[in-house]
Amino acid sequence: METLLSKYNGVVFVIDSNDRDRMEDVIDQFKRFTLEEELLGVPILVFANKADLPKSMTIEEITQQLTKSGIDLSRFHIIQTIATEGTGLKEGLSWLENEMQKK
């Protein structure tokens, strides 16, 4: 994994915002992922997918759960997406591109 991580200047992390039951697992994976030395200072885009479903978490709910678990969100951007429609994808990738160009 170290070799893979050293080659990237930005990361996209996708979560299923409708799957509230697995949010603890997502947080654990997210923590481990973001603590990798190779990713320090790298911008991370979080796609909260399935935003169109009635039980999906809002950005505020996701942010609250991540910060409550001790994750520093200063280099992250969370955007709600509906991948099947393409909603939010262009906006998110534009943010990531802009952040990567700042380096």
PDB file of N, CA and C in Angstrom:
ATOM      1  N   MET A   1       0.823  -1.192   0.000  1.00  0.00           N
ATOM      2  CA  MET A   1       0.000   0.000   0.000  1.00  0.00           C
ATOM      3  C   MET A   1       0.867   1.257   0.000  1.00  0.00           C
ATOM      4  N   GLU A   2       2.011   1.226   0.668  1.00  0.00           N
ATOM      5  CA  GLU A   2       2.874   2.403   0.730  1.00  0.00           C
ATOM      6  C   GLU A   2       3.297   2.870  -0.651  1.00  0.00           C
ATOM      7  N   THR A   3       3.654   1.941  -1.529  1.00  0.00           N
ATOM      8  CA  THR A   3       4.063   2.301  -2.879  1.00  0.00           C
ATOM      9  C   THR A   3       2.922   2.985  -3.613  1.00  0.00           C
ATOM     10  N   LEU A   4       1.743   2.467  -3.476  1.00  0.00           N
ATOM     11  CA  LEU A   4       0.581   3.040  -4.122  1.00  0.00           C
ATOM     12  C   LEU A   4       0.313   4.449  -3.616  1.00  0.00           C
ATOM     13  N   LEU A   5       0.343   4.643  -2.305  1.00  0.00           N
ATOM     14  CA  LEU A   5       0.023   5.935  -1.722  1.00  0.00           C
ATOM     15  C   LEU A   5       1.041   7.006  -2.078  1.00  0.00           C
ATOM     16  N   SER A   6       2.273   6.647  -2.271  1.00  0.00           N
ATOM     17  CA  SER A   6       3.298   7.649  -2.538  1.00  0.00           C
ATOM     18  C   SER A   6       3.175   8.261  -3.927  1.00  0.00           C
ATOM     19  N   LYS A   7       2.331   7.715  -4.779  1.00  0.00           N
ATOM     20  CA  LYS A   7       2.212   8.191  -6.151  1.00  0.00           C
ATOM     21  C   LYS A   7       1.060   9.166  -6.367  1.00  0.00           C
ATOM     22  N   TYR A   8       0.306   9.478  -5.356  1.00  0.00           N
ATOM     23  CA  TYR A   8      -0.898  10.280  -5.544  1.00  0.00           C
ATOM     24  C   TYR A   8      -0.837  11.601  -4.790  1.00  0.00           C
ATOM     25  N   ASN A   9      -1.470  12.609  -5.396  1.00  0.00           N
ATOM     26  CA  ASN A   9      -1.516  13.937  -4.794  1.00  0.00           C
ATOM     27  C   ASN A   9      -2.901  14.275  -4.263  1.00  0.00           C
ATOM     28  N   GLY A  10      -3.841  13.378  -4.414  1.00  0.00           N
ATOM     29  CA  GLY A  10      -5.196  13.581  -3.943  1.00  0.00           C
ATOM     30  C   GLY A  10      -5.891  12.243  -3.818  1.00  0.00           C
ATOM     31  N   VAL A  11      -6.924  12.205  -2.987  1.00  0.00           N
ATOM     32  CA  VAL A  11      -7.626  10.950  -2.715  1.00  0.00           C
ATOM     33  C   VAL A  11      -9.126  11.196  -2.767  1.00  0.00           C
ATOM     34  N   VAL A  12      -9.848  10.205  -3.320  1.00  0.00           N
ATOM     35  CA  VAL A  12     -11.307  10.202  -3.283  1.00  0.00           C
ATOM     36  C   VAL A  12     -11.735   9.035  -2.399  1.00  0.00           C
ATOM     37  N   PHE A  13     -12.523   9.323  -1.382  1.00  0.00           N
ATOM     38  CA  PHE A  13     -13.030   8.320  -0.446  1.00  0.00           C
ATOM     39  C   PHE A  13     -14.552   8.329  -0.581  1.00  0.00           C
ATOM     40  N   VAL A  14     -15.147   7.201  -0.928  1.00  0.00           N
ATOM     41  CA  VAL A  14     -16.591   7.119  -1.162  1.00  0.00           C
ATOM     42  C   VAL A  14     -17.257   6.374  -0.015  1.00  0.00           C
ATOM     43  N   ILE A  15     -18.318   6.984   0.503  1.00  0.00           N
ATOM     44  CA  ILE A  15     -19.105   6.305   1.540  1.00  0.00           C
ATOM     45  C   ILE A  15     -20.551   6.176   1.069  1.00  0.00           C
ATOM     46  N   ASP A  16     -21.227   5.185   1.580  1.00  0.00           N
ATOM     47  CA  ASP A  16     -22.647   4.984   1.312  1.00  0.00           C
ATOM     48  C   ASP A  16     -23.392   5.750   2.405  1.00  0.00           C
ATOM     49  N   SER A  17     -23.874   6.925   2.073  1.00  0.00           N
ATOM     50  CA  SER A  17     -24.507   7.766   3.096  1.00  0.00           C
ATOM     51  C   SER A  17     -25.857   7.224   3.546  1.00  0.00           C
ATOM     52  N   ASN A  18     -26.350   6.204   2.889  1.00  0.00           N
ATOM     53  CA  ASN A  18     -27.618   5.596   3.272  1.00  0.00           C
ATOM     54  C   ASN A  18     -27.425   4.445   4.259  1.00  0.00           C
ATOM     55  N   ASP A  19     -26.200   3.989   4.433  1.00  0.00           N
ATOM     56  CA  ASP A  19     -25.926   2.830   5.288  1.00  0.00           C
ATOM     57  C   ASP A  19     -25.440   3.286   6.666  1.00  0.00           C
ATOM     58  N   ARG A  20     -26.376   3.711   7.475  1.00  0.00           N
ATOM     59  CA  ARG A  20     -26.059   4.225   8.811  1.00  0.00           C
ATOM     60  C   ARG A  20     -25.454   3.149   9.712  1.00  0.00           C
ATOM     61  N   ASP A  21     -25.860   1.914   9.505  1.00  0.00           N
ATOM     62  CA  ASP A  21     -25.384   0.818  10.348  1.00  0.00           C
ATOM     63  C   ASP A  21     -23.892   0.559  10.194  1.00  0.00           C
ATOM     64  N   ARG A  22     -23.319   0.896   9.060  1.00  0.00           N
ATOM     65  CA  ARG A  22     -21.896   0.635   8.816  1.00  0.00           C
ATOM     66  C   ARG A  22     -21.028   1.874   9.017  1.00  0.00           C
ATOM     67  N   MET A  23     -21.583   2.950   9.521  1.00  0.00           N
ATOM     68  CA  MET A  23     -20.814   4.184   9.669  1.00  0.00           C
ATOM     69  C   MET A  23     -19.629   4.006  10.613  1.00  0.00           C
ATOM     70  N   GLU A  24     -19.782   3.201  11.639  1.00  0.00           N
ATOM     71  CA  GLU A  24     -18.651   2.943  12.547  1.00  0.00           C
ATOM     72  C   GLU A  24     -17.492   2.295  11.802  1.00  0.00           C
ATOM     73  N   ASP A  25     -17.811   1.329  10.941  1.00  0.00           N
ATOM     74  CA  ASP A  25     -16.779   0.679  10.119  1.00  0.00           C
ATOM     75  C   ASP A  25     -16.124   1.679   9.180  1.00  0.00           C
ATOM     76  N   VAL A  26     -16.937   2.546   8.589  1.00  0.00           N
ATOM     77  CA  VAL A  26     -16.416   3.578   7.686  1.00  0.00           C
ATOM     78  C   VAL A  26     -15.451   4.484   8.439  1.00  0.00           C
ATOM     79  N   ILE A  27     -15.818   4.893   9.618  1.00  0.00           N
ATOM     80  CA  ILE A  27     -14.972   5.769  10.423  1.00  0.00           C
ATOM     81  C   ILE A  27     -13.654   5.078  10.754  1.00  0.00           C
ATOM     82  N   ASP A  28     -13.707   3.810  11.143  1.00  0.00           N
ATOM     83  CA  ASP A  28     -12.479   3.068  11.444  1.00  0.00           C
ATOM     84  C   ASP A  28     -11.562   3.001  10.231  1.00  0.00           C
ATOM     85  N   GLN A  29     -12.120   2.678   9.069  1.00  0.00           N
ATOM     86  CA  GLN A  29     -11.328   2.616   7.840  1.00  0.00           C
ATOM     87  C   GLN A  29     -10.771   3.992   7.477  1.00  0.00           C
ATOM     88  N   PHE A  30     -11.592   4.999   7.637  1.00  0.00           N
ATOM     89  CA  PHE A  30     -11.199   6.373   7.325  1.00  0.00           C
ATOM     90  C   PHE A  30     -10.037   6.820   8.211  1.00  0.00           C
ATOM     91  N   LYS A  31     -10.134   6.503   9.492  1.00  0.00           N
ATOM     92  CA  LYS A  31      -9.057   6.854  10.434  1.00  0.00           C
ATOM     93  C   LYS A  31      -7.743   6.203  10.025  1.00  0.00           C
ATOM     94  N   ARG A  32      -7.792   4.904   9.771  1.00  0.00           N
ATOM     95  CA  ARG A  32      -6.567   4.184   9.388  1.00  0.00           C
ATOM     96  C   ARG A  32      -5.989   4.739   8.100  1.00  0.00           C
ATOM     97  N   PHE A  33      -6.851   5.011   7.175  1.00  0.00           N
ATOM     98  CA  PHE A  33      -6.441   5.520   5.872  1.00  0.00           C
ATOM     99  C   PHE A  33      -5.781   6.894   5.991  1.00  0.00           C
ATOM    100  N   THR A  34      -6.394   7.777   6.750  1.00  0.00           N
ATOM    101  CA  THR A  34      -5.896   9.157   6.842  1.00  0.00           C
ATOM    102  C   THR A  34      -4.663   9.300   7.724  1.00  0.00           C
ATOM    103  N   LEU A  35      -4.353   8.284   8.513  1.00  0.00           N
ATOM    104  CA  LEU A  35      -3.161   8.350   9.350  1.00  0.00           C
ATOM    105  C   LEU A  35      -1.907   7.857   8.636  1.00  0.00           C
ATOM    106  N   GLU A  36      -2.060   7.386   7.415  1.00  0.00           N
ATOM    107  CA  GLU A  36      -0.908   6.953   6.628  1.00  0.00           C
ATOM    108  C   GLU A  36       0.021   8.146   6.404  1.00  0.00           C
ATOM    109  N   GLU A  37       1.275   7.967   6.710  1.00  0.00           N
ATOM    110  CA  GLU A  37       2.256   9.052   6.593  1.00  0.00           C
ATOM    111  C   GLU A  37       2.288   9.645   5.190  1.00  0.00           C
ATOM    112  N   GLU A  38       2.132   8.808   4.183  1.00  0.00           N
ATOM    113  CA  GLU A  38       2.190   9.258   2.799  1.00  0.00           C
ATOM    114  C   GLU A  38       1.035  10.182   2.428  1.00  0.00           C
ATOM    115  N   LEU A  39      -0.022  10.186   3.228  1.00  0.00           N
ATOM    116  CA  LEU A  39      -1.190  11.005   2.928  1.00  0.00           C
ATOM    117  C   LEU A  39      -1.247  12.303   3.729  1.00  0.00           C
ATOM    118  N   LEU A  40      -0.279  12.532   4.587  1.00  0.00           N
ATOM    119  CA  LEU A  40      -0.273  13.771   5.360  1.00  0.00           C
ATOM    120  C   LEU A  40      -0.167  14.950   4.409  1.00  0.00           C
ATOM    121  N   GLY A  41      -1.095  15.871   4.517  1.00  0.00           N
ATOM    122  CA  GLY A  41      -1.103  17.045   3.662  1.00  0.00           C
ATOM    123  C   GLY A  41      -1.778  16.845   2.321  1.00  0.00           C
ATOM    124  N   VAL A  42      -2.207  15.631   2.018  1.00  0.00           N
ATOM    125  CA  VAL A  42      -2.864  15.345   0.744  1.00  0.00           C
ATOM    126  C   VAL A  42      -4.358  15.664   0.882  1.00  0.00           C
ATOM    127  N   PRO A  43      -4.932  16.421  -0.070  1.00  0.00           N
ATOM    128  CA  PRO A  43      -6.368  16.714   0.005  1.00  0.00           C
ATOM    129  C   PRO A  43      -7.192  15.454  -0.215  1.00  0.00           C
ATOM    130  N   ILE A  44      -8.263  15.337   0.551  1.00  0.00           N
ATOM    131  CA  ILE A  44      -9.118  14.155   0.471  1.00  0.00           C
ATOM    132  C   ILE A  44     -10.556  14.598   0.216  1.00  0.00           C
ATOM    133  N   LEU A  45     -11.100  14.100  -0.863  1.00  0.00           N
ATOM    134  CA  LEU A  45     -12.479  14.351  -1.239  1.00  0.00           C
ATOM    135  C   LEU A  45     -13.321  13.166  -0.786  1.00  0.00           C
ATOM    136  N   VAL A  46     -14.386  13.457  -0.049  1.00  0.00           N
ATOM    137  CA  VAL A  46     -15.287  12.404   0.416  1.00  0.00           C
ATOM    138  C   VAL A  46     -16.605  12.545  -0.338  1.00  0.00           C
ATOM    139  N   PHE A  47     -16.916  11.530  -1.132  1.00  0.00           N
ATOM    140  CA  PHE A  47     -18.214  11.479  -1.795  1.00  0.00           C
ATOM    141  C   PHE A  47     -19.173  10.741  -0.884  1.00  0.00           C
ATOM    142  N   ALA A  48     -20.207  11.435  -0.421  1.00  0.00           N
ATOM    143  CA  ALA A  48     -21.275  10.809   0.367  1.00  0.00           C
ATOM    144  C   ALA A  48     -22.352  10.396  -0.627  1.00  0.00           C
ATOM    145  N   ASN A  49     -22.230   9.192  -1.127  1.00  0.00           N
ATOM    146  CA  ASN A  49     -23.071   8.719  -2.221  1.00  0.00           C
ATOM    147  C   ASN A  49     -24.455   8.299  -1.739  1.00  0.00           C
ATOM    148  N   LYS A  50     -25.355   8.169  -2.678  1.00  0.00           N
ATOM    149  CA  LYS A  50     -26.754   7.772  -2.466  1.00  0.00           C
ATOM    150  C   LYS A  50     -27.540   8.837  -1.703  1.00  0.00           C
ATOM    151  N   ALA A  51     -27.220  10.091  -1.970  1.00  0.00           N
ATOM    152  CA  ALA A  51     -27.878  11.209  -1.295  1.00  0.00           C
ATOM    153  C   ALA A  51     -29.363  11.314  -1.640  1.00  0.00           C
ATOM    154  N   ASP A  52     -29.785  10.616  -2.672  1.00  0.00           N
ATOM    155  CA  ASP A  52     -31.180  10.672  -3.093  1.00  0.00           C
ATOM    156  C   ASP A  52     -32.095   9.743  -2.294  1.00  0.00           C
ATOM    157  N   LEU A  53     -31.514   8.870  -1.508  1.00  0.00           N
ATOM    158  CA  LEU A  53     -32.331   7.927  -0.751  1.00  0.00           C
ATOM    159  C   LEU A  53     -32.860   8.572   0.530  1.00  0.00           C
ATOM    160  N   PRO A  54     -34.071   8.206   0.932  1.00  0.00           N
ATOM    161  CA  PRO A  54     -34.734   8.902   2.049  1.00  0.00           C
ATOM    162  C   PRO A  54     -34.017   8.840   3.400  1.00  0.00           C
ATOM    163  N   LYS A  55     -33.246   7.786   3.653  1.00  0.00           N
ATOM    164  CA  LYS A  55     -32.579   7.665   4.954  1.00  0.00           C
ATOM    165  C   LYS A  55     -31.104   8.064   4.898  1.00  0.00           C
ATOM    166  N   SER A  56     -30.694   8.689   3.811  1.00  0.00           N
ATOM    167  CA  SER A  56     -29.280   9.045   3.688  1.00  0.00           C
ATOM    168  C   SER A  56     -28.911  10.141   4.686  1.00  0.00           C
ATOM    169  N   MET A  57     -27.676  10.078   5.160  1.00  0.00           N
ATOM    170  CA  MET A  57     -27.172  11.067   6.105  1.00  0.00           C
ATOM    171  C   MET A  57     -26.829  12.360   5.371  1.00  0.00           C
ATOM    172  N   THR A  58     -27.029  13.469   6.036  1.00  0.00           N
ATOM    173  CA  THR A  58     -26.655  14.762   5.480  1.00  0.00           C
ATOM    174  C   THR A  58     -25.150  14.969   5.683  1.00  0.00           C
ATOM    175  N   ILE A  59     -24.614  15.953   5.006  1.00  0.00           N
ATOM    176  CA  ILE A  59     -23.202  16.296   5.202  1.00  0.00           C
ATOM    177  C   ILE A  59     -22.946  16.656   6.658  1.00  0.00           C
ATOM    178  N   GLU A  60     -23.882  17.353   7.260  1.00  0.00           N
ATOM    179  CA  GLU A  60     -23.734  17.740   8.658  1.00  0.00           C
ATOM    180  C   GLU A  60     -23.658  16.524   9.576  1.00  0.00           C
ATOM    181  N   GLU A  61     -24.491  15.529   9.334  1.00  0.00           N
ATOM    182  CA  GLU A  61     -24.462  14.310  10.143  1.00  0.00           C
ATOM    183  C   GLU A  61     -23.135  13.566   9.973  1.00  0.00           C
ATOM    184  N   ILE A  62     -22.683  13.464   8.750  1.00  0.00           N
ATOM    185  CA  ILE A  62     -21.420  12.777   8.480  1.00  0.00           C
ATOM    186  C   ILE A  62     -20.264  13.534   9.127  1.00  0.00           C
ATOM    187  N   THR A  63     -20.250  14.841   8.953  1.00  0.00           N
ATOM    188  CA  THR A  63     -19.196  15.679   9.551  1.00  0.00           C
ATOM    189  C   THR A  63     -19.183  15.523  11.059  1.00  0.00           C
ATOM    190  N   GLN A  64     -20.354  15.545  11.667  1.00  0.00           N
ATOM    191  CA  GLN A  64     -20.454  15.405  13.123  1.00  0.00           C
ATOM    192  C   GLN A  64     -19.895  14.058  13.584  1.00  0.00           C
ATOM    193  N   GLN A  65     -20.233  12.992  12.885  1.00  0.00           N
ATOM    194  CA  GLN A  65     -19.741  11.670  13.284  1.00  0.00           C
ATOM    195  C   GLN A  65     -18.224  11.562  13.108  1.00  0.00           C
ATOM    196  N   LEU A  66     -17.695  12.133  12.039  1.00  0.00           N
ATOM    197  CA  LEU A  66     -16.251  12.074  11.812  1.00  0.00           C
ATOM    198  C   LEU A  66     -15.491  12.894  12.847  1.00  0.00           C
ATOM    199  N   THR A  67     -15.962  14.104  13.132  1.00  0.00           N
ATOM    200  CA  THR A  67     -15.261  14.948  14.101  1.00  0.00           C
ATOM    201  C   THR A  67     -15.417  14.403  15.524  1.00  0.00           C
ATOM    202  N   LYS A  68     -16.564  13.814  15.819  1.00  0.00           N
ATOM    203  CA  LYS A  68     -16.787  13.213  17.136  1.00  0.00           C
ATOM    204  C   LYS A  68     -15.806  12.074  17.387  1.00  0.00           C
ATOM    205  N   SER A  69     -15.383  11.432  16.319  1.00  0.00           N
ATOM    206  CA  SER A  69     -14.442  10.319  16.450  1.00  0.00           C
ATOM    207  C   SER A  69     -12.992  10.789  16.452  1.00  0.00           C
ATOM    208  N   GLY A  70     -12.786  12.111  16.401  1.00  0.00           N
ATOM    209  CA  GLY A  70     -11.438  12.651  16.499  1.00  0.00           C
ATOM    210  C   GLY A  70     -10.735  12.897  15.176  1.00  0.00           C
ATOM    211  N   ILE A  71     -11.444  12.806  14.074  1.00  0.00           N
ATOM    212  CA  ILE A  71     -10.835  13.029  12.765  1.00  0.00           C
ATOM    213  C   ILE A  71     -10.801  14.526  12.470  1.00  0.00           C
ATOM    214  N   ASP A  72      -9.615  15.019  12.108  1.00  0.00           N
ATOM    215  CA  ASP A  72      -9.436  16.423  11.734  1.00  0.00           C
ATOM    216  C   ASP A  72      -9.841  16.590  10.278  1.00  0.00           C
ATOM    217  N   LEU A  73     -10.867  17.358  10.026  1.00  0.00           N
ATOM    218  CA  LEU A  73     -11.403  17.501   8.674  1.00  0.00           C
ATOM    219  C   LEU A  73     -10.848  18.713   7.928  1.00  0.00           C
ATOM    220  N   SER A  74      -9.761  19.285   8.390  1.00  0.00           N
ATOM    221  CA  SER A  74      -9.255  20.508   7.771  1.00  0.00           C
ATOM    222  C   SER A  74      -8.794  20.338   6.331  1.00  0.00           C
ATOM    223  N   ARG A  75      -8.404  19.148   5.929  1.00  0.00           N
ATOM    224  CA  ARG A  75      -7.966  18.946   4.542  1.00  0.00           C
ATOM    225  C   ARG A  75      -8.944  18.098   3.734  1.00  0.00           C
ATOM    226  N   PHE A  76     -10.164  18.009   4.213  1.00  0.00           N
ATOM    227  CA  PHE A  76     -11.183  17.202   3.569  1.00  0.00           C
ATOM    228  C   PHE A  76     -12.297  18.075   3.012  1.00  0.00           C
ATOM    229  N   HIS A  77     -12.954  17.548   2.010  1.00  0.00           N
ATOM    230  CA  HIS A  77     -14.156  18.180   1.469  1.00  0.00           C
ATOM    231  C   HIS A  77     -15.184  17.070   1.308  1.00  0.00           C
ATOM    232  N   ILE A  78     -16.343  17.244   1.905  1.00  0.00           N
ATOM    233  CA  ILE A  78     -17.403  16.237   1.823  1.00  0.00           C
ATOM    234  C   ILE A  78     -18.502  16.791   0.934  1.00  0.00           C
ATOM    235  N   ILE A  79     -18.906  15.993  -0.033  1.00  0.00           N
ATOM    236  CA  ILE A  79     -19.969  16.413  -0.936  1.00  0.00           C
ATOM    237  C   ILE A  79     -20.951  15.264  -1.129  1.00  0.00           C
ATOM    238  N   GLN A  80     -22.233  15.608  -1.122  1.00  0.00           N
ATOM    239  CA  GLN A  80     -23.252  14.597  -1.372  1.00  0.00           C
ATOM    240  C   GLN A  80     -23.308  14.307  -2.866  1.00  0.00           C
ATOM    241  N   THR A  81     -23.434  13.029  -3.190  1.00  0.00           N
ATOM    242  CA  THR A  81     -23.478  12.630  -4.589  1.00  0.00           C
ATOM    243  C   THR A  81     -24.585  11.624  -4.849  1.00  0.00           C
ATOM    244  N   ILE A  82     -24.966  11.580  -6.104  1.00  0.00           N
ATOM    245  CA  ILE A  82     -25.837  10.525  -6.620  1.00  0.00           C
ATOM    246  C   ILE A  82     -25.100  10.010  -7.847  1.00  0.00           C
ATOM    247  N   ALA A  83     -24.273   9.008  -7.651  1.00  0.00           N
ATOM    248  CA  ALA A  83     -23.378   8.541  -8.708  1.00  0.00           C
ATOM    249  C   ALA A  83     -24.129   8.067  -9.944  1.00  0.00           C
ATOM    250  N   THR A  84     -25.280   7.456  -9.765  1.00  0.00           N
ATOM    251  CA  THR A  84     -26.025   6.937 -10.912  1.00  0.00           C
ATOM    252  C   THR A  84     -26.518   8.052 -11.830  1.00  0.00           C
ATOM    253  N   GLU A  85     -26.599   9.283 -11.283  1.00  0.00           N
ATOM    254  CA  GLU A  85     -27.032  10.435 -12.078  1.00  0.00           C
ATOM    255  C   GLU A  85     -25.872  11.384 -12.374  1.00  0.00           C
ATOM    256  N   GLY A  86     -24.746  11.162 -11.718  1.00  0.00           N
ATOM    257  CA  GLY A  86     -23.602  12.051 -11.896  1.00  0.00           C
ATOM    258  C   GLY A  86     -23.663  13.301 -11.024  1.00  0.00           C
ATOM    259  N   THR A  87     -24.649  13.400 -10.186  1.00  0.00           N
ATOM    260  CA  THR A  87     -24.830  14.578  -9.336  1.00  0.00           C
ATOM    261  C   THR A  87     -23.696  14.712  -8.325  1.00  0.00           C
ATOM    262  N   GLY A  88     -23.060  15.860  -8.315  1.00  0.00           N
ATOM    263  CA  GLY A  88     -22.008  16.160  -7.355  1.00  0.00           C
ATOM    264  C   GLY A  88     -20.617  15.720  -7.764  1.00  0.00           C
ATOM    265  N   LEU A  89     -20.515  14.866  -8.754  1.00  0.00           N
ATOM    266  CA  LEU A  89     -19.203  14.324  -9.129  1.00  0.00           C
ATOM    267  C   LEU A  89     -18.287  15.394  -9.721  1.00  0.00           C
ATOM    268  N   LYS A  90     -18.792  16.164 -10.659  1.00  0.00           N
ATOM    269  CA  LYS A  90     -17.975  17.197 -11.301  1.00  0.00           C
ATOM    270  C   LYS A  90     -17.535  18.252 -10.291  1.00  0.00           C
ATOM    271  N   GLU A  91     -18.461  18.670  -9.447  1.00  0.00           N
ATOM    272  CA  GLU A  91     -18.148  19.665  -8.418  1.00  0.00           C
ATOM    273  C   GLU A  91     -17.047  19.159  -7.484  1.00  0.00           C
ATOM    274  N   GLY A  92     -17.184  17.916  -7.054  1.00  0.00           N
ATOM    275  CA  GLY A  92     -16.193  17.342  -6.150  1.00  0.00           C
ATOM    276  C   GLY A  92     -14.828  17.204  -6.794  1.00  0.00           C
ATOM    277  N   LEU A  93     -14.796  16.698  -8.007  1.00  0.00           N
ATOM    278  CA  LEU A  93     -13.519  16.524  -8.696  1.00  0.00           C
ATOM    279  C   LEU A  93     -12.869  17.857  -9.033  1.00  0.00           C
ATOM    280  N   SER A  94     -13.670  18.879  -9.285  1.00  0.00           N
ATOM    281  CA  SER A  94     -13.123  20.228  -9.508  1.00  0.00           C
ATOM    282  C   SER A  94     -12.438  20.740  -8.242  1.00  0.00           C
ATOM    283  N   TRP A  95     -13.086  20.500  -7.088  1.00  0.00           N
ATOM    284  CA  TRP A  95     -12.464  20.906  -5.817  1.00  0.00           C
ATOM    285  C   TRP A  95     -11.127  20.198  -5.649  1.00  0.00           C
ATOM    286  N   LEU A  96     -11.108  18.889  -5.891  1.00  0.00           N
ATOM    287  CA  LEU A  96      -9.888  18.107  -5.713  1.00  0.00           C
ATOM    288  C   LEU A  96      -8.793  18.584  -6.669  1.00  0.00           C
ATOM    289  N   GLU A  97      -9.148  18.841  -7.899  1.00  0.00           N
ATOM    290  CA  GLU A  97      -8.170  19.338  -8.868  1.00  0.00           C
ATOM    291  C   GLU A  97      -7.569  20.663  -8.411  1.00  0.00           C
ATOM    292  N   ASN A  98      -8.418  21.570  -7.943  1.00  0.00           N
ATOM    293  CA  ASN A  98      -7.944  22.866  -7.450  1.00  0.00           C
ATOM    294  C   ASN A  98      -7.007  22.709  -6.267  1.00  0.00           C
ATOM    295  N   GLU A  99      -7.360  21.820  -5.348  1.00  0.00           N
ATOM    296  CA  GLU A  99      -6.515  21.594  -4.176  1.00  0.00           C
ATOM    297  C   GLU A  99      -5.171  20.983  -4.565  1.00  0.00           C
ATOM    298  N   MET A 100      -5.181  20.079  -5.525  1.00  0.00           N
ATOM    299  CA  MET A 100      -3.930  19.446  -5.949  1.00  0.00           C
ATOM    300  C   MET A 100      -3.018  20.439  -6.679  1.00  0.00           C
ATOM    301  N   GLN A 101      -3.603  21.408  -7.359  1.00  0.00           N
ATOM    302  CA  GLN A 101      -2.810  22.413  -8.066  1.00  0.00           C
ATOM    303  C   GLN A 101      -2.138  23.397  -7.104  1.00  0.00           C
ATOM    304  N   LYS A 102      -2.641  23.489  -5.891  1.00  0.00           N
ATOM    305  CA  LYS A 102      -2.052  24.386  -4.888  1.00  0.00           C
ATOM    306  C   LYS A 102      -0.717  23.874  -4.386  1.00  0.00           C
ATOM    307  N   LYS A 103      -0.442  22.609  -4.592  1.00  0.00           N
ATOM    308  CA  LYS A 103       0.793  21.996  -4.070  1.00  0.00           C
ATOM    309  C   LYS A 103       1.976  22.332  -4.920  1.00  0.00           C
TER     310      LYS A 103
END
